[in-house]
Amino acid sequence: MSNFVPNTVKSPCIRLCKIHVELGSCIGCGRTMAEIAAWGSLGVEAQAKIIRKLPSRLDAINRLGKGDEP
């Protein structure tokens, strides 16, 4: 049995990269630009904290639309 502990959380990026104008979050993954930029240098706990925030952000994006309508 292994006690392997990953040193990173898998990126939530789904390659649908566009920042919602009103919310400031990516419409694909839900992260902010600052979170996306810092992802690789964040520790597992910080990454996991971001991951836990994403469902509510993505729900908001779905409710408001993709943010690119006139």
Protein backbone atom coordinates (compact mmCIF):
# COMPACT_ATOMS: atom_id res chain seq x y z
CA MET A 1 0.00 0.00 0.00
CA SER A 2 1.33 3.40 -0.98
CA ASN A 3 1.20 6.60 1.03
CA PHE A 4 1.58 8.71 -2.10
CA VAL A 5 0.30 12.24 -1.63
CA PRO A 6 0.02 14.32 -4.80
CA ASN A 7 1.77 17.67 -4.75
CA THR A 8 -0.91 19.27 -6.88
CA VAL A 9 -4.63 19.06 -7.57
CA LYS A 10 -5.62 18.38 -11.18
CA SER A 11 -6.39 21.63 -12.95
CA PRO A 12 -10.12 22.17 -13.52
CA CYS A 13 -9.40 23.73 -16.92
CA ILE A 14 -11.63 22.35 -19.69
CA ARG A 15 -10.04 24.49 -22.45
CA LEU A 16 -13.06 26.81 -22.67
CA CYS A 17 -11.15 29.89 -21.62
CA LYS A 18 -13.10 33.12 -21.54
CA ILE A 19 -13.60 35.45 -18.60
CA HIS A 20 -17.23 36.33 -17.78
CA VAL A 21 -17.46 40.11 -18.03
CA GLU A 22 -19.66 40.61 -14.94
CA LEU A 23 -18.39 37.84 -12.68
CA GLY A 24 -14.68 37.90 -13.49
CA SER A 25 -14.52 34.11 -13.61
CA CYS A 26 -13.67 31.79 -16.49
CA ILE A 27 -16.85 30.43 -18.08
CA GLY A 28 -15.19 27.04 -18.51
CA CYS A 29 -13.60 26.31 -15.15
CA GLY A 30 -14.90 29.07 -12.88
CA ARG A 31 -11.50 30.33 -11.72
CA THR A 32 -10.47 33.98 -11.69
CA MET A 33 -7.52 35.20 -13.75
CA ALA A 34 -5.44 35.47 -10.57
CA GLU A 35 -6.27 31.87 -9.62
CA ILE A 36 -5.46 30.62 -13.11
CA ALA A 37 -2.12 32.47 -13.15
CA ALA A 38 -1.13 31.24 -9.69
CA TRP A 39 -2.38 27.65 -10.03
CA GLY A 40 0.99 25.99 -10.66
CA SER A 41 2.65 27.66 -7.69
CA LEU A 42 -0.16 27.06 -5.19
CA GLY A 43 -0.04 24.27 -2.65
CA VAL A 44 -2.55 21.43 -2.55
CA GLU A 45 -4.62 23.05 0.20
CA ALA A 46 -4.93 26.35 -1.69
CA GLN A 47 -5.82 24.52 -4.90
CA ALA A 48 -8.42 22.42 -3.08
CA LYS A 49 -9.93 25.57 -1.54
CA ILE A 50 -10.37 27.03 -5.03
CA ILE A 51 -11.87 23.77 -6.33
CA ARG A 52 -14.51 23.88 -3.58
CA LYS A 53 -15.60 27.36 -4.74
CA LEU A 54 -16.07 26.43 -8.39
CA PRO A 55 -19.53 24.79 -8.35
CA SER A 56 -21.24 27.93 -7.04
CA ARG A 57 -19.32 30.11 -9.49
CA LEU A 58 -20.26 27.90 -12.42
CA ASP A 59 -23.89 27.90 -11.27
CA ALA A 60 -23.81 31.71 -11.29
CA ILE A 61 -22.32 31.70 -14.80
CA ASN A 62 -25.06 29.33 -15.99
CA ARG A 63 -27.78 31.50 -14.41
CA LEU A 64 -26.44 34.74 -15.89
CA GLY A 65 -25.39 33.36 -19.25
CA LYS A 66 -21.91 33.18 -20.68
CA GLY A 67 -21.33 36.90 -20.30
CA ASP A 68 -20.79 37.67 -23.96
CA GLU A 69 -24.33 38.58 -24.99
CA PRO A 70 -24.90 42.25 -25.87
